[in-house]
Amino acid sequence: MQNITHPLVNLSTANAELITRFAQSPEMVELANTSAQKYFELAQKAFGGTAASEAHADLVRSLTENYSTFARENAQRLMGIAAEGQAQLAQQVQLATERLAAAASTVADASKTAAPPRAK
């Protein structure tokens, strides 16, 4: 049986790595190292300029890639599970058919060997 949580684990791990990389990017480190005196001024600029930064663009692009990978892996896993189910169903139908044929053969053999009915 395939592990259906594998794509979700991959997505979570990749996103955690991206967010860590984003938080440790030079732009974010520089922002964190600014003096306390200019903190509020820089915070307003940073939040206003974050969307235009290269680090933010990389974050959005990479998150999109991660979700795309997640969707592809999840779809592949689900298709694998469906294929396994279909194969198991075909195997069960084949087994039932063989058993039914064997039972019918046994009944036919038994009726041939049974004594003919007596005449009155």
C-alpha atoms as a PDB file:
ATOM      1  CA  MET A   1       0.000   0.000   0.000  1.00  0.00           C
ATOM      2  CA  GLN A   2       1.348   3.421  -0.861  1.00  0.00           C
ATOM      3  CA  ASN A   3       1.817   6.134   1.749  1.00  0.00           C
ATOM      4  CA  ILE A   4      -0.768   8.796   0.889  1.00  0.00           C
ATOM      5  CA  THR A   5       0.746  11.340   3.297  1.00  0.00           C
ATOM      6  CA  HIS A   6       4.091  11.446   1.470  1.00  0.00           C
ATOM      7  CA  PRO A   7       3.149  14.353  -0.855  1.00  0.00           C
ATOM      8  CA  LEU A   8       1.854  16.388   2.093  1.00  0.00           C
ATOM      9  CA  VAL A   9       5.049  15.758   4.069  1.00  0.00           C
ATOM     10  CA  ASN A  10       7.101  16.828   1.041  1.00  0.00           C
ATOM     11  CA  LEU A  11       5.027  19.992   0.684  1.00  0.00           C
ATOM     12  CA  SER A  12       5.336  20.890   4.370  1.00  0.00           C
ATOM     13  CA  THR A  13       9.086  20.285   4.394  1.00  0.00           C
ATOM     14  CA  ALA A  14       9.651  22.311   1.225  1.00  0.00           C
ATOM     15  CA  ASN A  15       7.526  25.201   2.501  1.00  0.00           C
ATOM     16  CA  ALA A  16       9.334  25.243   5.866  1.00  0.00           C
ATOM     17  CA  GLU A  17      12.658  25.437   4.009  1.00  0.00           C
ATOM     18  CA  LEU A  18      11.381  28.275   1.823  1.00  0.00           C
ATOM     19  CA  ILE A  19      10.060  30.313   4.717  1.00  0.00           C
ATOM     20  CA  THR A  20      13.344  29.823   6.583  1.00  0.00           C
ATOM     21  CA  ARG A  21      15.305  30.899   3.500  1.00  0.00           C
ATOM     22  CA  PHE A  22      13.021  33.924   3.096  1.00  0.00           C
ATOM     23  CA  ALA A  23      13.437  34.893   6.760  1.00  0.00           C
ATOM     24  CA  GLN A  24      17.224  34.547   6.463  1.00  0.00           C
ATOM     25  CA  SER A  25      17.521  36.387   3.157  1.00  0.00           C
ATOM     26  CA  PRO A  26      19.897  39.379   3.136  1.00  0.00           C
ATOM     27  CA  GLU A  27      16.985  41.777   2.828  1.00  0.00           C
ATOM     28  CA  MET A  28      15.267  40.373   5.919  1.00  0.00           C
ATOM     29  CA  VAL A  29      18.555  40.142   7.906  1.00  0.00           C
ATOM     30  CA  GLU A  30      19.336  43.758   7.082  1.00  0.00           C
ATOM     31  CA  LEU A  31      15.872  44.754   8.207  1.00  0.00           C
ATOM     32  CA  ALA A  32      16.285  42.855  11.497  1.00  0.00           C
ATOM     33  CA  ASN A  33      19.704  44.486  12.153  1.00  0.00           C
ATOM     34  CA  THR A  34      18.506  48.071  11.868  1.00  0.00           C
ATOM     35  CA  SER A  35      18.602  50.174  14.990  1.00  0.00           C
ATOM     36  CA  ALA A  36      15.672  50.204  17.396  1.00  0.00           C
ATOM     37  CA  GLN A  37      15.385  53.931  16.876  1.00  0.00           C
ATOM     38  CA  LYS A  38      14.386  53.476  13.214  1.00  0.00           C
ATOM     39  CA  TYR A  39      12.440  50.265  13.740  1.00  0.00           C
ATOM     40  CA  PHE A  40       8.920  51.610  13.161  1.00  0.00           C
ATOM     41  CA  GLU A  41       9.935  53.628  10.119  1.00  0.00           C
ATOM     42  CA  LEU A  42      11.750  50.702   8.527  1.00  0.00           C
ATOM     43  CA  ALA A  43       8.999  48.247   9.454  1.00  0.00           C
ATOM     44  CA  GLN A  44       6.467  50.348   7.571  1.00  0.00           C
ATOM     45  CA  LYS A  45       8.766  50.541   4.543  1.00  0.00           C
ATOM     46  CA  ALA A  46       9.567  46.839   4.708  1.00  0.00           C
ATOM     47  CA  PHE A  47       5.962  45.746   4.872  1.00  0.00           C
ATOM     48  CA  GLY A  48       5.132  48.131   2.043  1.00  0.00           C
ATOM     49  CA  GLY A  49       8.132  47.044  -0.029  1.00  0.00           C
ATOM     50  CA  THR A  50       8.143  43.335   0.760  1.00  0.00           C
ATOM     51  CA  ALA A  51       5.835  42.533  -2.137  1.00  0.00           C
ATOM     52  CA  ALA A  52       8.277  44.224  -4.544  1.00  0.00           C
ATOM     53  CA  SER A  53      11.418  42.527  -3.164  1.00  0.00           C
ATOM     54  CA  GLU A  54      13.258  39.739  -4.968  1.00  0.00           C
ATOM     55  CA  ALA A  55      13.053  37.590  -1.833  1.00  0.00           C
ATOM     56  CA  HIS A  56       9.254  37.864  -1.835  1.00  0.00           C
ATOM     57  CA  ALA A  57       9.060  37.091  -5.554  1.00  0.00           C
ATOM     58  CA  ASP A  58      11.254  34.019  -4.986  1.00  0.00           C
ATOM     59  CA  LEU A  59       9.054  32.953  -2.070  1.00  0.00           C
ATOM     60  CA  VAL A  60       5.860  33.200  -4.137  1.00  0.00           C
ATOM     61  CA  ARG A  61       7.440  31.434  -7.120  1.00  0.00           C
ATOM     62  CA  SER A  62       8.819  28.631  -4.961  1.00  0.00           C
ATOM     63  CA  LEU A  63       5.560  28.188  -3.032  1.00  0.00           C
ATOM     64  CA  THR A  64       3.758  27.842  -6.357  1.00  0.00           C
ATOM     65  CA  GLU A  65       6.266  25.201  -7.462  1.00  0.00           C
ATOM     66  CA  ASN A  66       5.825  23.367  -4.147  1.00  0.00           C
ATOM     67  CA  TYR A  67       2.039  23.251  -4.485  1.00  0.00           C
ATOM     68  CA  SER A  68       2.388  22.117  -8.087  1.00  0.00           C
ATOM     69  CA  THR A  69       4.728  19.318  -6.990  1.00  0.00           C
ATOM     70  CA  PHE A  70       2.335  18.416  -4.177  1.00  0.00           C
ATOM     71  CA  ALA A  71      -0.633  18.233  -6.566  1.00  0.00           C
ATOM     72  CA  ARG A  72       1.315  16.078  -9.044  1.00  0.00           C
ATOM     73  CA  GLU A  73       2.630  13.699  -6.362  1.00  0.00           C
ATOM     74  CA  ASN A  74      -0.773  13.451  -4.703  1.00  0.00           C
ATOM     75  CA  ALA A  75      -2.463  12.709  -8.036  1.00  0.00           C
ATOM     76  CA  GLN A  76       0.158  10.036  -8.797  1.00  0.00           C
ATOM     77  CA  ARG A  77      -0.389   8.437  -5.390  1.00  0.00           C
ATOM     78  CA  LEU A  78      -4.159   8.461  -5.838  1.00  0.00           C
ATOM     79  CA  MET A  79      -3.841   6.949  -9.306  1.00  0.00           C
ATOM     80  CA  GLY A  80      -1.578   4.247  -7.848  1.00  0.00           C
ATOM     81  CA  ILE A  81      -4.105   3.494  -5.136  1.00  0.00           C
ATOM     82  CA  ALA A  82      -6.906   3.346  -7.700  1.00  0.00           C
ATOM     83  CA  ALA A  83      -4.846   1.001  -9.893  1.00  0.00           C
ATOM     84  CA  GLU A  84      -4.135  -1.239  -6.887  1.00  0.00           C
ATOM     85  CA  GLY A  85      -7.835  -1.327  -6.057  1.00  0.00           C
ATOM     86  CA  GLN A  86      -8.751  -2.144  -9.627  1.00  0.00           C
ATOM     87  CA  ALA A  87      -6.175  -4.953  -9.761  1.00  0.00           C
ATOM     88  CA  GLN A  88      -7.425  -6.387  -6.473  1.00  0.00           C
ATOM     89  CA  LEU A  89     -11.024  -6.225  -7.687  1.00  0.00           C
ATOM     90  CA  ALA A  90     -10.104  -8.002 -10.931  1.00  0.00           C
ATOM     91  CA  GLN A  91      -8.276 -10.665  -8.925  1.00  0.00           C
ATOM     92  CA  GLN A  92     -11.289 -11.185  -6.643  1.00  0.00           C
ATOM     93  CA  VAL A  93     -13.668 -11.430  -9.622  1.00  0.00           C
ATOM     94  CA  GLN A  94     -11.362 -13.964 -11.278  1.00  0.00           C
ATOM     95  CA  LEU A  95     -11.184 -16.022  -8.071  1.00  0.00           C
ATOM     96  CA  ALA A  96     -14.970 -15.926  -7.648  1.00  0.00           C
ATOM     97  CA  THR A  97     -15.447 -16.996 -11.274  1.00  0.00           C
ATOM     98  CA  GLU A  98     -13.074 -19.916 -10.821  1.00  0.00           C
ATOM     99  CA  ARG A  99     -14.834 -21.008  -7.628  1.00  0.00           C
ATOM    100  CA  LEU A 100     -18.248 -20.740  -9.267  1.00  0.00           C
ATOM    101  CA  ALA A 101     -17.049 -22.779 -12.238  1.00  0.00           C
ATOM    102  CA  ALA A 102     -15.598 -25.429  -9.897  1.00  0.00           C
ATOM    103  CA  ALA A 103     -18.848 -25.584  -7.920  1.00  0.00           C
ATOM    104  CA  ALA A 104     -20.915 -25.898 -11.092  1.00  0.00           C
ATOM    105  CA  SER A 105     -18.614 -28.668 -12.308  1.00  0.00           C
ATOM    106  CA  THR A 106     -18.989 -30.504  -8.994  1.00  0.00           C
ATOM    107  CA  VAL A 107     -22.782 -30.250  -9.152  1.00  0.00           C
ATOM    108  CA  ALA A 108     -22.795 -31.493 -12.775  1.00  0.00           C
ATOM    109  CA  ASP A 109     -20.548 -34.421 -11.890  1.00  0.00           C
ATOM    110  CA  ALA A 110     -22.727 -35.292  -8.903  1.00  0.00           C
ATOM    111  CA  SER A 111     -25.897 -35.266 -10.978  1.00  0.00           C
ATOM    112  CA  LYS A 112     -24.327 -37.594 -13.577  1.00  0.00           C
ATOM    113  CA  THR A 113     -23.317 -40.131 -10.961  1.00  0.00           C
ATOM    114  CA  ALA A 114     -26.618 -40.039  -9.098  1.00  0.00           C
ATOM    115  CA  ALA A 115     -28.828 -43.070  -9.515  1.00  0.00           C
ATOM    116  CA  PRO A 116     -31.591 -42.663 -12.060  1.00  0.00           C
ATOM    117  CA  PRO A 117     -35.057 -42.291 -10.595  1.00  0.00           C
ATOM    118  CA  ARG A 118     -37.001 -45.540 -10.192  1.00  0.00           C
ATOM    119  CA  ALA A 119     -39.875 -46.275 -12.494  1.00  0.00           C
ATOM    120  CA  LYS A 120     -43.281 -46.769 -10.902  1.00  0.00           C
END
